[in-house]
PDB file of N, CA and C in Angstrom:
ATOM      1  N   MET A   1      -5.250  18.760 -15.778  1.00  0.00           N
ATOM      2  CA  MET A   1      -6.273  17.797 -15.412  1.00  0.00           C
ATOM      3  C   MET A   1      -7.546  18.071 -16.207  1.00  0.00           C
ATOM      4  N   ASP A   2      -8.212  17.030 -16.580  1.00  0.00           N
ATOM      5  CA  ASP A   2      -9.453  17.137 -17.340  1.00  0.00           C
ATOM      6  C   ASP A   2     -10.628  17.263 -16.363  1.00  0.00           C
ATOM      7  N   ARG A   3     -11.099  18.485 -16.202  1.00  0.00           N
ATOM      8  CA  ARG A   3     -12.163  18.790 -15.229  1.00  0.00           C
ATOM      9  C   ARG A   3     -13.416  17.961 -15.468  1.00  0.00           C
ATOM     10  N   THR A   4     -13.824  17.827 -16.714  1.00  0.00           N
ATOM     11  CA  THR A   4     -15.038  17.080 -17.042  1.00  0.00           C
ATOM     12  C   THR A   4     -14.918  15.621 -16.615  1.00  0.00           C
ATOM     13  N   LEU A   5     -13.779  15.031 -16.897  1.00  0.00           N
ATOM     14  CA  LEU A   5     -13.553  13.637 -16.535  1.00  0.00           C
ATOM     15  C   LEU A   5     -13.539  13.458 -15.020  1.00  0.00           C
ATOM     16  N   ILE A   6     -12.866  14.350 -14.323  1.00  0.00           N
ATOM     17  CA  ILE A   6     -12.802  14.267 -12.860  1.00  0.00           C
ATOM     18  C   ILE A   6     -14.189  14.387 -12.244  1.00  0.00           C
ATOM     19  N   LEU A   7     -14.986  15.326 -12.732  1.00  0.00           N
ATOM     20  CA  LEU A   7     -16.347  15.503 -12.199  1.00  0.00           C
ATOM     21  C   LEU A   7     -17.232  14.303 -12.514  1.00  0.00           C
ATOM     22  N   ALA A   8     -17.112  13.751 -13.715  1.00  0.00           N
ATOM     23  CA  ALA A   8     -17.915  12.574 -14.080  1.00  0.00           C
ATOM     24  C   ALA A   8     -17.560  11.374 -13.192  1.00  0.00           C
ATOM     25  N   GLN A   9     -16.281  11.179 -12.938  1.00  0.00           N
ATOM     26  CA  GLN A   9     -15.866  10.075 -12.083  1.00  0.00           C
ATOM     27  C   GLN A   9     -16.343  10.294 -10.647  1.00  0.00           C
ATOM     28  N   GLY A  10     -16.314  11.530 -10.188  1.00  0.00           N
ATOM     29  CA  GLY A  10     -16.824  11.837  -8.851  1.00  0.00           C
ATOM     30  C   GLY A  10     -18.299  11.540  -8.725  1.00  0.00           C
ATOM     31  N   LYS A  11     -19.047  11.852  -9.767  1.00  0.00           N
ATOM     32  CA  LYS A  11     -20.482  11.570  -9.744  1.00  0.00           C
ATOM     33  C   LYS A  11     -20.751  10.072  -9.779  1.00  0.00           C
ATOM     34  N   ALA A  12     -19.906   9.331 -10.487  1.00  0.00           N
ATOM     35  CA  ALA A  12     -20.031   7.873 -10.498  1.00  0.00           C
ATOM     36  C   ALA A  12     -19.759   7.310  -9.105  1.00  0.00           C
ATOM     37  N   LEU A  13     -18.777   7.873  -8.406  1.00  0.00           N
ATOM     38  CA  LEU A  13     -18.509   7.438  -7.030  1.00  0.00           C
ATOM     39  C   LEU A  13     -19.673   7.785  -6.108  1.00  0.00           C
ATOM     40  N   ALA A  14     -20.319   8.923  -6.345  1.00  0.00           N
ATOM     41  CA  ALA A  14     -21.491   9.290  -5.542  1.00  0.00           C
ATOM     42  C   ALA A  14     -22.620   8.290  -5.755  1.00  0.00           C
ATOM     43  N   LEU A  15     -22.785   7.831  -6.991  1.00  0.00           N
ATOM     44  CA  LEU A  15     -23.792   6.807  -7.269  1.00  0.00           C
ATOM     45  C   LEU A  15     -23.445   5.511  -6.547  1.00  0.00           C
ATOM     46  N   LEU A  16     -22.174   5.131  -6.594  1.00  0.00           N
ATOM     47  CA  LEU A  16     -21.730   3.932  -5.899  1.00  0.00           C
ATOM     48  C   LEU A  16     -21.982   4.054  -4.397  1.00  0.00           C
ATOM     49  N   ALA A  17     -21.675   5.218  -3.828  1.00  0.00           N
ATOM     50  CA  ALA A  17     -21.907   5.441  -2.403  1.00  0.00           C
ATOM     51  C   ALA A  17     -23.393   5.319  -2.064  1.00  0.00           C
ATOM     52  N   ALA A  18     -24.252   5.849  -2.915  1.00  0.00           N
ATOM     53  CA  ALA A  18     -25.700   5.743  -2.687  1.00  0.00           C
ATOM     54  C   ALA A  18     -26.161   4.287  -2.736  1.00  0.00           C
ATOM     55  N   MET A  19     -25.594   3.530  -3.653  1.00  0.00           N
ATOM     56  CA  MET A  19     -25.959   2.110  -3.753  1.00  0.00           C
ATOM     57  C   MET A  19     -25.462   1.322  -2.538  1.00  0.00           C
ATOM     58  N   LEU A  20     -24.266   1.638  -2.068  1.00  0.00           N
ATOM     59  CA  LEU A  20     -23.740   0.976  -0.869  1.00  0.00           C
ATOM     60  C   LEU A  20     -24.593   1.314   0.349  1.00  0.00           C
ATOM     61  N   GLN A  21     -25.034   2.569   0.419  1.00  0.00           N
ATOM     62  CA  GLN A  21     -25.911   2.969   1.526  1.00  0.00           C
ATOM     63  C   GLN A  21     -27.245   2.244   1.441  1.00  0.00           C
ATOM     64  N   ARG A  22     -27.803   2.190   0.255  1.00  0.00           N
ATOM     65  CA  ARG A  22     -29.085   1.509   0.056  1.00  0.00           C
ATOM     66  C   ARG A  22     -28.996   0.030   0.446  1.00  0.00           C
ATOM     67  N   GLY A  23     -27.833  -0.574   0.192  1.00  0.00           N
ATOM     68  CA  GLY A  23     -27.621  -1.968   0.551  1.00  0.00           C
ATOM     69  C   GLY A  23     -27.280  -2.173   2.016  1.00  0.00           C
ATOM     70  N   GLY A  24     -27.197  -1.081   2.772  1.00  0.00           N
ATOM     71  CA  GLY A  24     -26.923  -1.176   4.199  1.00  0.00           C
ATOM     72  C   GLY A  24     -25.461  -1.466   4.519  1.00  0.00           C
ATOM     73  N   ILE A  25     -24.572  -1.183   3.574  1.00  0.00           N
ATOM     74  CA  ILE A  25     -23.157  -1.504   3.752  1.00  0.00           C
ATOM     75  C   ILE A  25     -22.412  -0.369   4.462  1.00  0.00           C
ATOM     76  N   ILE A  26     -22.595   0.852   3.987  1.00  0.00           N
ATOM     77  CA  ILE A  26     -21.947   2.011   4.592  1.00  0.00           C
ATOM     78  C   ILE A  26     -22.774   3.246   4.250  1.00  0.00           C
ATOM     79  N   ASP A  27     -22.839   4.171   5.194  1.00  0.00           N
ATOM     80  CA  ASP A  27     -23.527   5.429   4.952  1.00  0.00           C
ATOM     81  C   ASP A  27     -22.751   6.234   3.910  1.00  0.00           C
ATOM     82  N   ALA A  28     -23.456   6.852   2.983  1.00  0.00           N
ATOM     83  CA  ALA A  28     -22.808   7.582   1.894  1.00  0.00           C
ATOM     84  C   ALA A  28     -21.928   8.717   2.414  1.00  0.00           C
ATOM     85  N   SER A  29     -22.363   9.398   3.461  1.00  0.00           N
ATOM     86  CA  SER A  29     -21.544  10.483   4.000  1.00  0.00           C
ATOM     87  C   SER A  29     -20.272   9.937   4.644  1.00  0.00           C
ATOM     88  N   GLU A  30     -20.351   8.776   5.274  1.00  0.00           N
ATOM     89  CA  GLU A  30     -19.154   8.155   5.838  1.00  0.00           C
ATOM     90  C   GLU A  30     -18.188   7.743   4.726  1.00  0.00           C
ATOM     91  N   PHE A  31     -18.727   7.222   3.631  1.00  0.00           N
ATOM     92  CA  PHE A  31     -17.901   6.871   2.478  1.00  0.00           C
ATOM     93  C   PHE A  31     -17.155   8.109   1.978  1.00  0.00           C
ATOM     94  N   GLY A  32     -17.869   9.220   1.885  1.00  0.00           N
ATOM     95  CA  GLY A  32     -17.253  10.472   1.455  1.00  0.00           C
ATOM     96  C   GLY A  32     -16.182  10.950   2.419  1.00  0.00           C
ATOM     97  N   ASN A  33     -16.454  10.820   3.712  1.00  0.00           N
ATOM     98  CA  ASN A  33     -15.464  11.231   4.709  1.00  0.00           C
ATOM     99  C   ASN A  33     -14.205  10.361   4.642  1.00  0.00           C
ATOM    100  N   LEU A  34     -14.386   9.054   4.498  1.00  0.00           N
ATOM    101  CA  LEU A  34     -13.235   8.155   4.380  1.00  0.00           C
ATOM    102  C   LEU A  34     -12.428   8.449   3.114  1.00  0.00           C
ATOM    103  N   LEU A  35     -13.131   8.751   2.033  1.00  0.00           N
ATOM    104  CA  LEU A  35     -12.448   9.114   0.797  1.00  0.00           C
ATOM    105  C   LEU A  35     -11.648  10.402   0.992  1.00  0.00           C
ATOM    106  N   GLY A  36     -12.186  11.324   1.770  1.00  0.00           N
ATOM    107  CA  GLY A  36     -11.477  12.560   2.075  1.00  0.00           C
ATOM    108  C   GLY A  36     -10.211  12.317   2.883  1.00  0.00           C
ATOM    109  N   ILE A  37     -10.293  11.427   3.853  1.00  0.00           N
ATOM    110  CA  ILE A  37      -9.111  11.061   4.643  1.00  0.00           C
ATOM    111  C   ILE A  37      -8.070  10.408   3.744  1.00  0.00           C
ATOM    112  N   TYR A  38      -8.530   9.544   2.873  1.00  0.00           N
ATOM    113  CA  TYR A  38      -7.630   8.896   1.924  1.00  0.00           C
ATOM    114  C   TYR A  38      -6.960   9.937   1.022  1.00  0.00           C
ATOM    115  N   ALA A  39      -7.716  10.943   0.617  1.00  0.00           N
ATOM    116  CA  ALA A  39      -7.171  12.007  -0.231  1.00  0.00           C
ATOM    117  C   ALA A  39      -6.012  12.721   0.456  1.00  0.00           C
ATOM    118  N   VAL A  40      -6.176  13.016   1.733  1.00  0.00           N
ATOM    119  CA  VAL A  40      -5.124  13.690   2.491  1.00  0.00           C
ATOM    120  C   VAL A  40      -3.877  12.814   2.563  1.00  0.00           C
ATOM    121  N   THR A  41      -4.076  11.531   2.797  1.00  0.00           N
ATOM    122  CA  THR A  41      -2.953  10.597   2.890  1.00  0.00           C
ATOM    123  C   THR A  41      -2.213  10.498   1.558  1.00  0.00           C
ATOM    124  N   VAL A  42      -2.961  10.347   0.482  1.00  0.00           N
ATOM    125  CA  VAL A  42      -2.351  10.232  -0.842  1.00  0.00           C
ATOM    126  C   VAL A  42      -1.623  11.517  -1.208  1.00  0.00           C
ATOM    127  N   ALA A  43      -2.178  12.653  -0.826  1.00  0.00           N
ATOM    128  CA  ALA A  43      -1.586  13.951  -1.173  1.00  0.00           C
ATOM    129  C   ALA A  43      -0.187  14.138  -0.598  1.00  0.00           C
ATOM    130  N   GLU A  44       0.130  13.393   0.458  1.00  0.00           N
ATOM    131  CA  GLU A  44       1.463  13.509   1.053  1.00  0.00           C
ATOM    132  C   GLU A  44       2.556  13.104   0.072  1.00  0.00           C
ATOM    133  N   THR A  45       2.266  12.130  -0.793  1.00  0.00           N
ATOM    134  CA  THR A  45       3.275  11.666  -1.750  1.00  0.00           C
ATOM    135  C   THR A  45       2.909  11.987  -3.196  1.00  0.00           C
ATOM    136  N   GLU A  46       1.617  12.154  -3.469  1.00  0.00           N
ATOM    137  CA  GLU A  46       1.138  12.426  -4.832  1.00  0.00           C
ATOM    138  C   GLU A  46       0.104  13.557  -4.782  1.00  0.00           C
ATOM    139  N   PRO A  47       0.565  14.807  -4.720  1.00  0.00           N
ATOM    140  CA  PRO A  47      -0.356  15.934  -4.547  1.00  0.00           C
ATOM    141  C   PRO A  47      -1.469  16.018  -5.592  1.00  0.00           C
ATOM    142  N   ASP A  48      -1.155  15.778  -6.851  1.00  0.00           N
ATOM    143  CA  ASP A  48      -2.192  15.860  -7.889  1.00  0.00           C
ATOM    144  C   ASP A  48      -3.273  14.806  -7.676  1.00  0.00           C
ATOM    145  N   GLN A  49      -2.862  13.592  -7.346  1.00  0.00           N
ATOM    146  CA  GLN A  49      -3.837  12.534  -7.085  1.00  0.00           C
ATOM    147  C   GLN A  49      -4.669  12.853  -5.844  1.00  0.00           C
ATOM    148  N   GLY A  50      -4.023  13.399  -4.833  1.00  0.00           N
ATOM    149  CA  GLY A  50      -4.745  13.797  -3.625  1.00  0.00           C
ATOM    150  C   GLY A  50      -5.800  14.848  -3.917  1.00  0.00           C
ATOM    151  N   ASP A  51      -5.463  15.792  -4.797  1.00  0.00           N
ATOM    152  CA  ASP A  51      -6.431  16.825  -5.180  1.00  0.00           C
ATOM    153  C   ASP A  51      -7.651  16.216  -5.865  1.00  0.00           C
ATOM    154  N   ILE A  52      -7.413  15.273  -6.750  1.00  0.00           N
ATOM    155  CA  ILE A  52      -8.524  14.623  -7.454  1.00  0.00           C
ATOM    156  C   ILE A  52      -9.394  13.860  -6.473  1.00  0.00           C
ATOM    157  N   LEU A  53      -8.765  13.099  -5.594  1.00  0.00           N
ATOM    158  CA  LEU A  53      -9.526  12.347  -4.599  1.00  0.00           C
ATOM    159  C   LEU A  53     -10.331  13.276  -3.696  1.00  0.00           C
ATOM    160  N   ALA A  54      -9.757  14.435  -3.369  1.00  0.00           N
ATOM    161  CA  ALA A  54     -10.475  15.406  -2.535  1.00  0.00           C
ATOM    162  C   ALA A  54     -11.713  15.945  -3.249  1.00  0.00           C
ATOM    163  N   VAL A  55     -11.598  16.196  -4.539  1.00  0.00           N
ATOM    164  CA  VAL A  55     -12.762  16.643  -5.313  1.00  0.00           C
ATOM    165  C   VAL A  55     -13.835  15.559  -5.285  1.00  0.00           C
ATOM    166  N   TRP A  56     -13.427  14.323  -5.512  1.00  0.00           N
ATOM    167  CA  TRP A  56     -14.387  13.216  -5.494  1.00  0.00           C
ATOM    168  C   TRP A  56     -15.059  13.093  -4.129  1.00  0.00           C
ATOM    169  N   ALA A  57     -14.270  13.221  -3.062  1.00  0.00           N
ATOM    170  CA  ALA A  57     -14.839  13.141  -1.716  1.00  0.00           C
ATOM    171  C   ALA A  57     -15.884  14.232  -1.508  1.00  0.00           C
ATOM    172  N   GLY A  58     -15.599  15.430  -1.978  1.00  0.00           N
ATOM    173  CA  GLY A  58     -16.556  16.523  -1.856  1.00  0.00           C
ATOM    174  C   GLY A  58     -17.840  16.258  -2.614  1.00  0.00           C
ATOM    175  N   ILE A  59     -17.717  15.696  -3.805  1.00  0.00           N
ATOM    176  CA  ILE A  59     -18.908  15.369  -4.598  1.00  0.00           C
ATOM    177  C   ILE A  59     -19.746  14.318  -3.874  1.00  0.00           C
ATOM    178  N   VAL A  60     -19.087  13.304  -3.332  1.00  0.00           N
ATOM    179  CA  VAL A  60     -19.810  12.241  -2.614  1.00  0.00           C
ATOM    180  C   VAL A  60     -20.506  12.819  -1.384  1.00  0.00           C
ATOM    181  N   ARG A  61     -19.796  13.647  -0.613  1.00  0.00           N
ATOM    182  CA  ARG A  61     -20.399  14.235   0.591  1.00  0.00           C
ATOM    183  C   ARG A  61     -21.560  15.158   0.232  1.00  0.00           C
ATOM    184  N   ASP A  62     -21.395  15.973  -0.807  1.00  0.00           N
ATOM    185  CA  ASP A  62     -22.484  16.862  -1.234  1.00  0.00           C
ATOM    186  C   ASP A  62     -23.702  16.067  -1.652  1.00  0.00           C
ATOM    187  N   SER A  63     -23.477  14.996  -2.387  1.00  0.00           N
ATOM    188  CA  SER A  63     -24.578  14.139  -2.831  1.00  0.00           C
ATOM    189  C   SER A  63     -25.276  13.491  -1.634  1.00  0.00           C
ATOM    190  N   ALA A  64     -24.501  13.047  -0.675  1.00  0.00           N
ATOM    191  CA  ALA A  64     -25.082  12.427   0.532  1.00  0.00           C
ATOM    192  C   ALA A  64     -25.918  13.433   1.297  1.00  0.00           C
ATOM    193  N   ASP A  65     -25.444  14.692   1.360  1.00  0.00           N
ATOM    194  CA  ASP A  65     -26.200  15.736   2.052  1.00  0.00           C
ATOM    195  C   ASP A  65     -27.540  16.002   1.361  1.00  0.00           C
ATOM    196  N   LEU A  66     -27.579  15.921   0.046  1.00  0.00           N
ATOM    197  CA  LEU A  66     -28.826  16.138  -0.692  1.00  0.00           C
ATOM    198  C   LEU A  66     -29.817  15.022  -0.425  1.00  0.00           C
ATOM    199  N   ASP A  67     -29.303  13.815  -0.251  1.00  0.00           N
ATOM    200  CA  ASP A  67     -30.176  12.654  -0.025  1.00  0.00           C
ATOM    201  C   ASP A  67     -30.593  12.538   1.431  1.00  0.00           C
ATOM    202  N   GLY A  68     -29.767  13.093   2.333  1.00  0.00           N
ATOM    203  CA  GLY A  68     -29.974  12.920   3.767  1.00  0.00           C
ATOM    204  C   GLY A  68     -31.062  13.771   4.279  1.00  0.00           C
TER     205      GLY A  68
END
C-alpha cells in the first residue's frame, strides 16, 4: 500500500467532513465514526480495504478532535 497516497486521501476526507459540518449536514466526528463502522464491515470481506478505511476514519476523527 502507498502510505503517502492513503494519508493524502484521508486528509481530503477530513476536509470534506469539515465542510459538511460547516454546512450543518453532519458533525465531523460522527462522519469519522460512521466511516470507522463502514471500515469494520468492509474488512469482513476485503481486509486490505477495511484497513485503509480505518486509517481514513482515524484521520477524520483526529481532525474533528482538533477542531472541536
